[in-house]
C-alpha atoms as a PDB file:
ATOM      1  CA  UNK A   1      -1.615  -7.442 -31.538  1.00  0.00           C
ATOM      2  CA  UNK A   2      -2.412  -4.147 -29.806  1.00  0.00           C
ATOM      3  CA  UNK A   3      -0.679  -3.076 -26.589  1.00  0.00           C
ATOM      4  CA  UNK A   4      -2.159  -0.047 -24.810  1.00  0.00           C
ATOM      5  CA  UNK A   5      -0.727   1.984 -21.943  1.00  0.00           C
ATOM      6  CA  UNK A   6      -3.438   4.388 -20.908  1.00  0.00           C
ATOM      7  CA  UNK A   7      -3.129   6.703 -17.930  1.00  0.00           C
ATOM      8  CA  UNK A   8      -4.156  10.206 -16.961  1.00  0.00           C
ATOM      9  CA  UNK A   9      -0.665  10.919 -15.644  1.00  0.00           C
ATOM     10  CA  UNK A  10       2.589  10.968 -17.564  1.00  0.00           C
ATOM     11  CA  UNK A  11       4.571   8.643 -15.294  1.00  0.00           C
ATOM     12  CA  UNK A  12       7.548   7.701 -17.426  1.00  0.00           C
ATOM     13  CA  UNK A  13      10.458   9.259 -19.312  1.00  0.00           C
ATOM     14  CA  UNK A  14      10.713   9.627 -23.109  1.00  0.00           C
ATOM     15  CA  UNK A  15      13.443   6.973 -23.054  1.00  0.00           C
ATOM     16  CA  UNK A  16      11.153   4.530 -21.283  1.00  0.00           C
ATOM     17  CA  UNK A  17       8.307   5.145 -23.729  1.00  0.00           C
ATOM     18  CA  UNK A  18      10.791   4.556 -26.550  1.00  0.00           C
ATOM     19  CA  UNK A  19      11.662   1.164 -25.071  1.00  0.00           C
ATOM     20  CA  UNK A  20       7.987   0.244 -25.299  1.00  0.00           C
ATOM     21  CA  UNK A  21       7.744   1.399 -28.914  1.00  0.00           C
ATOM     22  CA  UNK A  22      10.936  -0.482 -29.782  1.00  0.00           C
ATOM     23  CA  UNK A  23       9.030  -3.688 -29.083  1.00  0.00           C
ATOM     24  CA  UNK A  24       6.837  -3.063 -32.133  1.00  0.00           C
ATOM     25  CA  UNK A  25       9.412  -4.159 -34.694  1.00  0.00           C
ATOM     26  CA  UNK A  26      10.817  -6.983 -32.588  1.00  0.00           C
ATOM     27  CA  UNK A  27       7.448  -8.625 -31.927  1.00  0.00           C
ATOM     28  CA  UNK A  28       5.323  -7.257 -34.788  1.00  0.00           C
ATOM     29  CA  UNK A  29       2.880  -5.511 -32.460  1.00  0.00           C
ATOM     30  CA  UNK A  30       1.435  -2.023 -32.140  1.00  0.00           C
ATOM     31  CA  UNK A  31       2.034  -0.064 -28.950  1.00  0.00           C
ATOM     32  CA  UNK A  32      -0.312   2.808 -28.090  1.00  0.00           C
ATOM     33  CA  UNK A  33       0.727   5.184 -25.319  1.00  0.00           C
ATOM     34  CA  UNK A  34      -2.115   7.381 -24.196  1.00  0.00           C
ATOM     35  CA  UNK A  35      -1.684   9.950 -21.406  1.00  0.00           C
ATOM     36  CA  UNK A  36      -4.025  12.684 -20.273  1.00  0.00           C
ATOM     37  CA  UNK A  37      -7.648  12.918 -21.406  1.00  0.00           C
ATOM     38  CA  UNK A  38      -7.118  12.706 -25.180  1.00  0.00           C
ATOM     39  CA  UNK A  39      -9.187  10.103 -27.073  1.00  0.00           C
ATOM     40  CA  UNK A  40      -7.679   6.647 -27.385  1.00  0.00           C
ATOM     41  CA  UNK A  41      -6.286   5.888 -30.849  1.00  0.00           C
ATOM     42  CA  UNK A  42      -6.959   2.172 -30.558  1.00  0.00           C
ATOM     43  CA  UNK A  43     -10.477   0.679 -30.609  1.00  0.00           C
ATOM     44  CA  UNK A  44     -11.392  -0.829 -27.230  1.00  0.00           C
ATOM     45  CA  UNK A  45     -12.467  -4.123 -28.793  1.00  0.00           C
ATOM     46  CA  UNK A  46      -9.045  -4.614 -30.423  1.00  0.00           C
ATOM     47  CA  UNK A  47      -6.891  -4.289 -27.286  1.00  0.00           C
ATOM     48  CA  UNK A  48      -4.971  -7.474 -26.464  1.00  0.00           C
ATOM     49  CA  UNK A  49      -2.843  -6.165 -23.594  1.00  0.00           C
ATOM     50  CA  UNK A  50      -3.838  -3.255 -21.352  1.00  0.00           C
ATOM     51  CA  UNK A  51      -1.529  -1.399 -18.964  1.00  0.00           C
ATOM     52  CA  UNK A  52      -3.392   0.496 -16.221  1.00  0.00           C
ATOM     53  CA  UNK A  53      -7.084   0.396 -15.381  1.00  0.00           C
ATOM     54  CA  UNK A  54      -8.468   3.836 -16.214  1.00  0.00           C
ATOM     55  CA  UNK A  55     -10.137   2.475 -19.365  1.00  0.00           C
ATOM     56  CA  UNK A  56     -11.916  -0.110 -17.234  1.00  0.00           C
ATOM     57  CA  UNK A  57     -13.340   2.747 -15.182  1.00  0.00           C
ATOM     58  CA  UNK A  58     -14.976   4.300 -18.237  1.00  0.00           C
ATOM     59  CA  UNK A  59     -15.838   1.216 -20.310  1.00  0.00           C
ATOM     60  CA  UNK A  60     -17.690  -1.998 -19.643  1.00  0.00           C
ATOM     61  CA  UNK A  61     -15.498  -5.076 -19.465  1.00  0.00           C
ATOM     62  CA  UNK A  62     -17.624  -6.697 -22.164  1.00  0.00           C
ATOM     63  CA  UNK A  63     -16.289  -4.135 -24.655  1.00  0.00           C
ATOM     64  CA  UNK A  64     -12.786  -5.627 -24.383  1.00  0.00           C
ATOM     65  CA  UNK A  65     -13.361  -8.449 -26.856  1.00  0.00           C
ATOM     66  CA  UNK A  66      -9.695  -9.452 -27.266  1.00  0.00           C
ATOM     67  CA  UNK A  67      -8.137  -8.523 -23.943  1.00  0.00           C
ATOM     68  CA  UNK A  68      -5.866 -11.287 -22.638  1.00  0.00           C
ATOM     69  CA  UNK A  69      -3.724  -9.584 -20.013  1.00  0.00           C
ATOM     70  CA  UNK A  70      -4.175  -6.604 -17.715  1.00  0.00           C
ATOM     71  CA  UNK A  71      -1.207  -4.929 -16.031  1.00  0.00           C
ATOM     72  CA  UNK A  72      -2.281  -2.741 -13.118  1.00  0.00           C
ATOM     73  CA  UNK A  73      -0.074  -0.097 -11.521  1.00  0.00           C
ATOM     74  CA  UNK A  74      -1.068  -0.863  -7.944  1.00  0.00           C
ATOM     75  CA  UNK A  75      -0.162  -3.657  -5.570  1.00  0.00           C
ATOM     76  CA  UNK A  76      -3.754  -4.296  -4.528  1.00  0.00           C
ATOM     77  CA  UNK A  77      -6.469  -5.718  -6.765  1.00  0.00           C
ATOM     78  CA  UNK A  78      -9.378  -4.625  -4.557  1.00  0.00           C
ATOM     79  CA  UNK A  79     -10.642  -2.113  -7.122  1.00  0.00           C
ATOM     80  CA  UNK A  80     -11.016  -4.807  -9.787  1.00  0.00           C
ATOM     81  CA  UNK A  81     -13.909  -7.139 -10.508  1.00  0.00           C
ATOM     82  CA  UNK A  82     -11.659 -10.175 -10.291  1.00  0.00           C
ATOM     83  CA  UNK A  83     -14.483 -12.665 -10.778  1.00  0.00           C
ATOM     84  CA  UNK A  84     -15.491 -11.126 -14.112  1.00  0.00           C
ATOM     85  CA  UNK A  85     -11.873 -10.929 -15.230  1.00  0.00           C
ATOM     86  CA  UNK A  86     -11.358 -14.596 -14.380  1.00  0.00           C
ATOM     87  CA  UNK A  87     -14.550 -15.567 -16.214  1.00  0.00           C
ATOM     88  CA  UNK A  88     -13.161 -13.885 -19.327  1.00  0.00           C
ATOM     89  CA  UNK A  89      -9.779 -15.606 -18.815  1.00  0.00           C
ATOM     90  CA  UNK A  90      -7.983 -12.276 -18.510  1.00  0.00           C
ATOM     91  CA  UNK A  91      -4.687 -12.570 -16.664  1.00  0.00           C
ATOM     92  CA  UNK A  92      -4.002  -9.809 -14.120  1.00  0.00           C
ATOM     93  CA  UNK A  93      -0.491  -8.681 -13.227  1.00  0.00           C
ATOM     94  CA  UNK A  94      -0.002  -6.301 -10.325  1.00  0.00           C
ATOM     95  CA  UNK A  95       2.896  -4.232  -9.018  1.00  0.00           C
ATOM     96  CA  UNK A  96       3.236  -6.185  -5.802  1.00  0.00           C
ATOM     97  CA  UNK A  97       6.739  -5.235  -4.669  1.00  0.00           C
ATOM     98  CA  UNK A  98       7.253  -1.973  -6.567  1.00  0.00           C
ATOM     99  CA  UNK A  99       6.221   0.190  -3.624  1.00  0.00           C
ATOM    100  CA  UNK A 100       7.540  -1.938  -0.764  1.00  0.00           C
ATOM    101  CA  UNK A 101      10.751  -0.008  -0.030  1.00  0.00           C
ATOM    102  CA  UNK A 102       9.308   3.536   0.160  1.00  0.00           C
ATOM    103  CA  UNK A 103       6.291   2.332   2.150  1.00  0.00           C
ATOM    104  CA  UNK A 104       8.564   0.526   4.598  1.00  0.00           C
ATOM    105  CA  UNK A 105      10.725   3.625   5.043  1.00  0.00           C
ATOM    106  CA  UNK A 106       7.615   5.750   5.551  1.00  0.00           C
ATOM    107  CA  UNK A 107       6.290   3.306   8.138  1.00  0.00           C
ATOM    108  CA  UNK A 108       9.556   3.393  10.046  1.00  0.00           C
ATOM    109  CA  UNK A 109       9.498   7.191  10.010  1.00  0.00           C
ATOM    110  CA  UNK A 110       6.007   7.221  11.514  1.00  0.00           C
ATOM    111  CA  UNK A 111       6.876   4.720  14.238  1.00  0.00           C
ATOM    112  CA  UNK A 112       9.911   6.772  15.245  1.00  0.00           C
ATOM    113  CA  UNK A 113       7.902   9.996  15.166  1.00  0.00           C
ATOM    114  CA  UNK A 114       5.411   8.453  17.573  1.00  0.00           C
ATOM    115  CA  UNK A 115       7.988   6.998  19.942  1.00  0.00           C
ATOM    116  CA  UNK A 116      10.270  10.035  19.919  1.00  0.00           C
ATOM    117  CA  UNK A 117       7.469  12.603  20.392  1.00  0.00           C
ATOM    118  CA  UNK A 118       8.175  14.358  17.095  1.00  0.00           C
ATOM    119  CA  UNK A 119       5.122  16.576  17.417  1.00  0.00           C
ATOM    120  CA  UNK A 120       6.433  18.002  20.698  1.00  0.00           C
ATOM    121  CA  UNK A 121       9.713  18.997  19.101  1.00  0.00           C
ATOM    122  CA  UNK A 122       7.903  20.589  16.159  1.00  0.00           C
ATOM    123  CA  UNK A 123       5.935  22.645  18.650  1.00  0.00           C
ATOM    124  CA  UNK A 124       8.878  23.840  20.732  1.00  0.00           C
ATOM    125  CA  UNK A 125      10.796  24.754  17.580  1.00  0.00           C
ATOM    126  CA  UNK A 126       7.925  27.019  16.543  1.00  0.00           C
ATOM    127  CA  UNK A 127       7.879  28.496  20.053  1.00  0.00           C
ATOM    128  CA  UNK A 128      11.705  28.831  20.134  1.00  0.00           C
ATOM    129  CA  UNK A 129      11.626  26.875  23.386  1.00  0.00           C
ATOM    130  CA  UNK A 130      14.546  24.927  24.887  1.00  0.00           C
ATOM    131  CA  UNK A 131      12.515  22.870  27.370  1.00  0.00           C
ATOM    132  CA  UNK A 132      13.710  19.263  27.323  1.00  0.00           C
ATOM    133  CA  UNK A 133      11.585  16.183  27.919  1.00  0.00           C
ATOM    134  CA  UNK A 134      13.204  13.293  29.758  1.00  0.00           C
ATOM    135  CA  UNK A 135      10.836  10.404  29.082  1.00  0.00           C
ATOM    136  CA  UNK A 136      11.358   9.649  25.401  1.00  0.00           C
ATOM    137  CA  UNK A 137      10.621   6.004  24.695  1.00  0.00           C
ATOM    138  CA  UNK A 138      12.956   3.590  22.948  1.00  0.00           C
ATOM    139  CA  UNK A 139      11.639   1.285  20.258  1.00  0.00           C
ATOM    140  CA  UNK A 140      14.415  -1.125  21.196  1.00  0.00           C
ATOM    141  CA  UNK A 141      12.927  -4.268  22.712  1.00  0.00           C
ATOM    142  CA  UNK A 142       9.385  -3.494  21.594  1.00  0.00           C
ATOM    143  CA  UNK A 143       7.190  -6.012  19.709  1.00  0.00           C
ATOM    144  CA  UNK A 144       5.681  -5.124  16.359  1.00  0.00           C
ATOM    145  CA  UNK A 145       2.922  -7.155  14.701  1.00  0.00           C
ATOM    146  CA  UNK A 146       2.725  -6.774  10.934  1.00  0.00           C
ATOM    147  CA  UNK A 147      -0.744  -7.777   9.735  1.00  0.00           C
ATOM    148  CA  UNK A 148      -0.754  -8.934   6.121  1.00  0.00           C
ATOM    149  CA  UNK A 149       2.834 -10.117   5.987  1.00  0.00           C
ATOM    150  CA  UNK A 150       4.031  -9.961   2.396  1.00  0.00           C
ATOM    151  CA  UNK A 151       6.493  -7.926   0.356  1.00  0.00           C
ATOM    152  CA  UNK A 152       5.817  -4.644   2.174  1.00  0.00           C
ATOM    153  CA  UNK A 153       5.783  -6.399   5.542  1.00  0.00           C
ATOM    154  CA  UNK A 154       9.173  -7.989   4.879  1.00  0.00           C
ATOM    155  CA  UNK A 155      10.724  -4.640   4.082  1.00  0.00           C
ATOM    156  CA  UNK A 156       9.250  -3.177   7.268  1.00  0.00           C
ATOM    157  CA  UNK A 157      10.487  -6.118   9.354  1.00  0.00           C
ATOM    158  CA  UNK A 158      14.002  -5.847   7.925  1.00  0.00           C
ATOM    159  CA  UNK A 159      14.257  -2.240   9.037  1.00  0.00           C
ATOM    160  CA  UNK A 160      12.654  -2.710  12.434  1.00  0.00           C
ATOM    161  CA  UNK A 161      15.011  -5.543  13.331  1.00  0.00           C
ATOM    162  CA  UNK A 162      17.874  -3.112  12.848  1.00  0.00           C
ATOM    163  CA  UNK A 163      16.385  -1.141  15.746  1.00  0.00           C
ATOM    164  CA  UNK A 164      16.145  -4.196  17.965  1.00  0.00           C
ATOM    165  CA  UNK A 165      12.373  -4.548  17.552  1.00  0.00           C
ATOM    166  CA  UNK A 166      10.876  -8.034  17.807  1.00  0.00           C
ATOM    167  CA  UNK A 167       8.781  -8.589  14.691  1.00  0.00           C
ATOM    168  CA  UNK A 168       5.808 -10.892  14.192  1.00  0.00           C
ATOM    169  CA  UNK A 169       4.488 -11.463  10.681  1.00  0.00           C
ATOM    170  CA  UNK A 170       0.773 -12.252  10.595  1.00  0.00           C
ATOM    171  CA  UNK A 171      -0.742 -13.875   7.517  1.00  0.00           C
ATOM    172  CA  UNK A 172      -3.439 -16.395   6.663  1.00  0.00           C
ATOM    173  CA  UNK A 173      -0.940 -19.240   6.586  1.00  0.00           C
ATOM    174  CA  UNK A 174       1.265 -18.104   9.457  1.00  0.00           C
ATOM    175  CA  UNK A 175       4.308 -18.298   7.197  1.00  0.00           C
ATOM    176  CA  UNK A 176       7.696 -17.460   8.637  1.00  0.00           C
ATOM    177  CA  UNK A 177      11.013 -16.412   7.145  1.00  0.00           C
ATOM    178  CA  UNK A 178      14.400 -15.099   8.200  1.00  0.00           C
ATOM    179  CA  UNK A 179      13.203 -11.482   8.388  1.00  0.00           C
ATOM    180  CA  UNK A 180      10.800 -11.966  11.293  1.00  0.00           C
ATOM    181  CA  UNK A 181      11.082 -13.470  14.752  1.00  0.00           C
ATOM    182  CA  UNK A 182       7.790 -15.314  14.457  1.00  0.00           C
ATOM    183  CA  UNK A 183       5.126 -16.124  11.898  1.00  0.00           C
ATOM    184  CA  UNK A 184       1.558 -16.196  13.168  1.00  0.00           C
ATOM    185  CA  UNK A 185      -1.657 -17.274  11.453  1.00  0.00           C
ATOM    186  CA  UNK A 186      -4.326 -14.585  11.237  1.00  0.00           C
ATOM    187  CA  UNK A 187      -6.800 -16.914  12.928  1.00  0.00           C
ATOM    188  CA  UNK A 188      -4.465 -17.297  15.903  1.00  0.00           C
ATOM    189  CA  UNK A 189      -3.612 -13.628  16.288  1.00  0.00           C
ATOM    190  CA  UNK A 190      -6.669 -12.532  18.267  1.00  0.00           C
ATOM    191  CA  UNK A 191      -5.467 -14.003  21.541  1.00  0.00           C
ATOM    192  CA  UNK A 192      -2.062 -12.376  21.125  1.00  0.00           C
ATOM    193  CA  UNK A 193      -3.142  -8.762  20.477  1.00  0.00           C
ATOM    194  CA  UNK A 194      -2.280  -7.665  24.011  1.00  0.00           C
ATOM    195  CA  UNK A 195       1.376  -8.579  23.434  1.00  0.00           C
ATOM    196  CA  UNK A 196       1.949  -6.040  20.677  1.00  0.00           C
ATOM    197  CA  UNK A 197       3.468  -2.612  21.283  1.00  0.00           C
ATOM    198  CA  UNK A 198       3.104  -1.675  17.627  1.00  0.00           C
ATOM    199  CA  UNK A 199       0.512  -2.864  15.115  1.00  0.00           C
ATOM    200  CA  UNK A 200       1.098  -2.191  11.420  1.00  0.00           C
ATOM    201  CA  UNK A 201      -1.627  -2.946   8.895  1.00  0.00           C
ATOM    202  CA  UNK A 202      -0.535  -4.222   5.492  1.00  0.00           C
ATOM    203  CA  UNK A 203      -3.813  -6.084   5.058  1.00  0.00           C
ATOM    204  CA  UNK A 204      -5.372  -6.113   1.597  1.00  0.00           C
ATOM    205  CA  UNK A 205      -8.963  -4.968   1.281  1.00  0.00           C
ATOM    206  CA  UNK A 206     -11.290  -7.947   0.972  1.00  0.00           C
ATOM    207  CA  UNK A 207     -14.726  -8.854   2.294  1.00  0.00           C
ATOM    208  CA  UNK A 208     -12.988 -10.696   5.145  1.00  0.00           C
ATOM    209  CA  UNK A 209     -10.791  -7.747   6.176  1.00  0.00           C
ATOM    210  CA  UNK A 210     -13.460  -5.037   6.122  1.00  0.00           C
ATOM    211  CA  UNK A 211     -13.146  -3.166   9.460  1.00  0.00           C
ATOM    212  CA  UNK A 212     -10.872  -5.926  10.735  1.00  0.00           C
ATOM    213  CA  UNK A 213      -9.411  -3.404  13.153  1.00  0.00           C
ATOM    214  CA  UNK A 214     -12.535  -2.628  15.152  1.00  0.00           C
ATOM    215  CA  UNK A 215     -13.494  -1.586  18.670  1.00  0.00           C
ATOM    216  CA  UNK A 216     -12.851  -5.074  20.014  1.00  0.00           C
ATOM    217  CA  UNK A 217      -9.401  -5.164  18.460  1.00  0.00           C
ATOM    218  CA  UNK A 218      -8.438  -1.731  19.782  1.00  0.00           C
ATOM    219  CA  UNK A 219      -9.737  -2.620  23.238  1.00  0.00           C
ATOM    220  CA  UNK A 220      -7.489  -5.686  23.296  1.00  0.00           C
ATOM    221  CA  UNK A 221      -4.380  -3.705  22.358  1.00  0.00           C
ATOM    222  CA  UNK A 222      -1.873  -2.642  24.963  1.00  0.00           C
ATOM    223  CA  UNK A 223      -2.271   0.708  26.628  1.00  0.00           C
ATOM    224  CA  UNK A 224      -0.044   3.335  24.981  1.00  0.00           C
ATOM    225  CA  UNK A 225       0.618   1.158  21.962  1.00  0.00           C
ATOM    226  CA  UNK A 226       1.005   2.464  18.407  1.00  0.00           C
ATOM    227  CA  UNK A 227      -1.191   1.765  15.386  1.00  0.00           C
ATOM    228  CA  UNK A 228      -0.097   2.334  11.779  1.00  0.00           C
ATOM    229  CA  UNK A 229      -2.173   1.776   8.637  1.00  0.00           C
ATOM    230  CA  UNK A 230      -0.490   1.922   5.227  1.00  0.00           C
ATOM    231  CA  UNK A 231      -2.750  -0.580   3.420  1.00  0.00           C
ATOM    232  CA  UNK A 232      -6.406   0.329   2.852  1.00  0.00           C
ATOM    233  CA  UNK A 233      -8.705   2.591   4.828  1.00  0.00           C
ATOM    234  CA  UNK A 234     -11.585   0.112   4.748  1.00  0.00           C
ATOM    235  CA  UNK A 235      -9.749  -2.368   6.990  1.00  0.00           C
ATOM    236  CA  UNK A 236     -10.184   0.048   9.912  1.00  0.00           C
ATOM    237  CA  UNK A 237     -13.361   1.025  11.726  1.00  0.00           C
ATOM    238  CA  UNK A 238     -12.493   4.730  11.854  1.00  0.00           C
ATOM    239  CA  UNK A 239     -15.183   5.580  14.392  1.00  0.00           C
ATOM    240  CA  UNK A 240     -13.792   2.938  16.737  1.00  0.00           C
ATOM    241  CA  UNK A 241     -10.257   4.208  16.196  1.00  0.00           C
ATOM    242  CA  UNK A 242     -11.307   7.773  16.935  1.00  0.00           C
ATOM    243  CA  UNK A 243     -13.138   6.673  20.075  1.00  0.00           C
ATOM    244  CA  UNK A 244     -10.135   4.703  21.338  1.00  0.00           C
ATOM    245  CA  UNK A 245      -7.795   7.602  20.579  1.00  0.00           C
ATOM    246  CA  UNK A 246     -10.015  10.020  22.493  1.00  0.00           C
ATOM    247  CA  UNK A 247      -9.810   7.728  25.514  1.00  0.00           C
ATOM    248  CA  UNK A 248      -6.012   7.925  25.443  1.00  0.00           C
ATOM    249  CA  UNK A 249      -5.494   4.339  24.277  1.00  0.00           C
ATOM    250  CA  UNK A 250      -2.609   5.049  21.953  1.00  0.00           C
ATOM    251  CA  UNK A 251       0.837   6.483  22.222  1.00  0.00           C
ATOM    252  CA  UNK A 252       0.147   7.484  18.640  1.00  0.00           C
ATOM    253  CA  UNK A 253      -1.563   6.467  15.405  1.00  0.00           C
ATOM    254  CA  UNK A 254      -0.314   6.972  11.864  1.00  0.00           C
ATOM    255  CA  UNK A 255      -2.734   6.761   8.943  1.00  0.00           C
ATOM    256  CA  UNK A 256      -1.792   7.027   5.281  1.00  0.00           C
ATOM    257  CA  UNK A 257      -5.127   5.675   4.036  1.00  0.00           C
ATOM    258  CA  UNK A 258      -8.742   6.338   4.942  1.00  0.00           C
ATOM    259  CA  UNK A 259     -12.189   4.938   4.322  1.00  0.00           C
ATOM    260  CA  UNK A 260     -13.003   8.081   2.340  1.00  0.00           C
ATOM    261  CA  UNK A 261     -10.182   9.713   0.399  1.00  0.00           C
ATOM    262  CA  UNK A 262      -9.359  12.481   0.626  1.00  0.00           C
ATOM    263  CA  UNK A 263     -10.129  12.502   4.335  1.00  0.00           C
ATOM    264  CA  UNK A 264     -13.147  14.787   4.883  1.00  0.00           C
ATOM    265  CA  UNK A 265     -12.396  18.123   6.539  1.00  0.00           C
ATOM    266  CA  UNK A 266     -14.968  17.352   9.225  1.00  0.00           C
ATOM    267  CA  UNK A 267     -13.096  14.237  10.404  1.00  0.00           C
ATOM    268  CA  UNK A 268     -12.039  14.427  14.044  1.00  0.00           C
ATOM    269  CA  UNK A 269      -8.740  12.805  13.120  1.00  0.00           C
ATOM    270  CA  UNK A 270      -7.438  16.146  11.849  1.00  0.00           C
ATOM    271  CA  UNK A 271      -7.565  17.627  15.331  1.00  0.00           C
ATOM    272  CA  UNK A 272      -5.911  14.792  17.248  1.00  0.00           C
ATOM    273  CA  UNK A 273      -2.508  15.673  18.649  1.00  0.00           C
ATOM    274  CA  UNK A 274      -1.108  12.152  18.465  1.00  0.00           C
ATOM    275  CA  UNK A 275      -2.504  11.289  15.021  1.00  0.00           C
ATOM    276  CA  UNK A 276      -0.034  11.471  12.135  1.00  0.00           C
ATOM    277  CA  UNK A 277      -1.918  11.755   8.851  1.00  0.00           C
ATOM    278  CA  UNK A 278      -0.775  11.672   5.229  1.00  0.00           C
ATOM    279  CA  UNK A 279      -2.763  11.679   1.939  1.00  0.00           C
ATOM    280  CA  UNK A 280      -2.090   8.117   0.685  1.00  0.00           C
ATOM    281  CA  UNK A 281       1.483   9.172  -0.012  1.00  0.00           C
ATOM    282  CA  UNK A 282       3.671   6.499   1.566  1.00  0.00           C
ATOM    283  CA  UNK A 283       4.361   4.764  -1.773  1.00  0.00           C
ATOM    284  CA  UNK A 284       6.123   7.727  -3.375  1.00  0.00           C
ATOM    285  CA  UNK A 285       9.841   8.030  -4.064  1.00  0.00           C
ATOM    286  CA  UNK A 286      12.193   9.504  -6.641  1.00  0.00           C
ATOM    287  CA  UNK A 287      12.997   6.075  -8.129  1.00  0.00           C
ATOM    288  CA  UNK A 288       9.652   4.321  -7.682  1.00  0.00           C
ATOM    289  CA  UNK A 289       8.481   5.007 -11.235  1.00  0.00           C
ATOM    290  CA  UNK A 290      11.684   3.510 -12.639  1.00  0.00           C
ATOM    291  CA  UNK A 291      10.947   0.390 -10.623  1.00  0.00           C
ATOM    292  CA  UNK A 292       7.345   0.418 -11.830  1.00  0.00           C
ATOM    293  CA  UNK A 293       8.371   0.749 -15.470  1.00  0.00           C
ATOM    294  CA  UNK A 294      10.742  -2.211 -15.189  1.00  0.00           C
ATOM    295  CA  UNK A 295       7.946  -4.340 -13.749  1.00  0.00           C
ATOM    296  CA  UNK A 296       5.611  -3.311 -16.586  1.00  0.00           C
ATOM    297  CA  UNK A 297       8.270  -3.826 -19.238  1.00  0.00           C
ATOM    298  CA  UNK A 298       9.439  -7.242 -18.048  1.00  0.00           C
ATOM    299  CA  UNK A 299       5.877  -8.564 -17.719  1.00  0.00           C
ATOM    300  CA  UNK A 300       5.046  -7.294 -21.208  1.00  0.00           C
ATOM    301  CA  UNK A 301       8.166  -8.805 -22.788  1.00  0.00           C
ATOM    302  CA  UNK A 302       7.460 -12.144 -21.144  1.00  0.00           C
ATOM    303  CA  UNK A 303       3.907 -12.099 -22.501  1.00  0.00           C
ATOM    304  CA  UNK A 304       5.094 -11.210 -25.992  1.00  0.00           C
ATOM    305  CA  UNK A 305       7.721 -13.926 -25.980  1.00  0.00           C
ATOM    306  CA  UNK A 306       5.167 -16.514 -24.888  1.00  0.00           C
ATOM    307  CA  UNK A 307       2.741 -15.384 -27.611  1.00  0.00           C
ATOM    308  CA  UNK A 308       5.213 -14.727 -30.399  1.00  0.00           C
END
């Protein structure tokens, strides 16, 4: 059995790679670790278990004659041809909760930056000014709607509740748990948009969520509300968001993802005073790759034990 970890970036430590190779003797398998652009030392047609998707970007799925399980390094599966994978009976494992903590912390940072006028204080520091502003807004008592309530949404809700924010988790099923004040079905959310002071998008990218946040949605939002997107750029109609921002709709918007990445230099978003932009960076942390390795390792060991 051939196990392949193939990635352009060297994510893990020598000790972690050794743990993967140590599985060879225990389970009588071969583990190939391939980083960078060097040629793969394992024939594509002989791979049984693939970690990461870069080989799928450069090879047709039909070439993977023996592939049984695919471990991706992302939480979302929107970049995969899931139908073809299912037709070939290839199991897909994602990294669903690996990035939840750093993304939640990043989201909280952005919400506080918006509400506490962080950009103003950056400006007066550069100007060496001591002019105070007296109308800073509290997040306490505000209502935040988290669209796409899952692992990331739960982590966001946990932190917001510590600030006295009322949290509403919005999902297809309207599920509720102890971390939110209310669970709301996606189909029922439209008539409630005007109640939300803060909207956070954790929506996955699907055909049903394409430009979900459109001109009609933004029009229905409260005046001087906040909008945060840390999921996928395609769930937002960027032209509609820009238009609403120009009209003064928002207290602030925070975008970590965009329809086109990197965000084109010509985008008007760059010039907007109350737009907080980051280059799809909210997932990063100093311990995230340790968490990712453990997810990869445990899923692999489980597979090997079941197929011993």
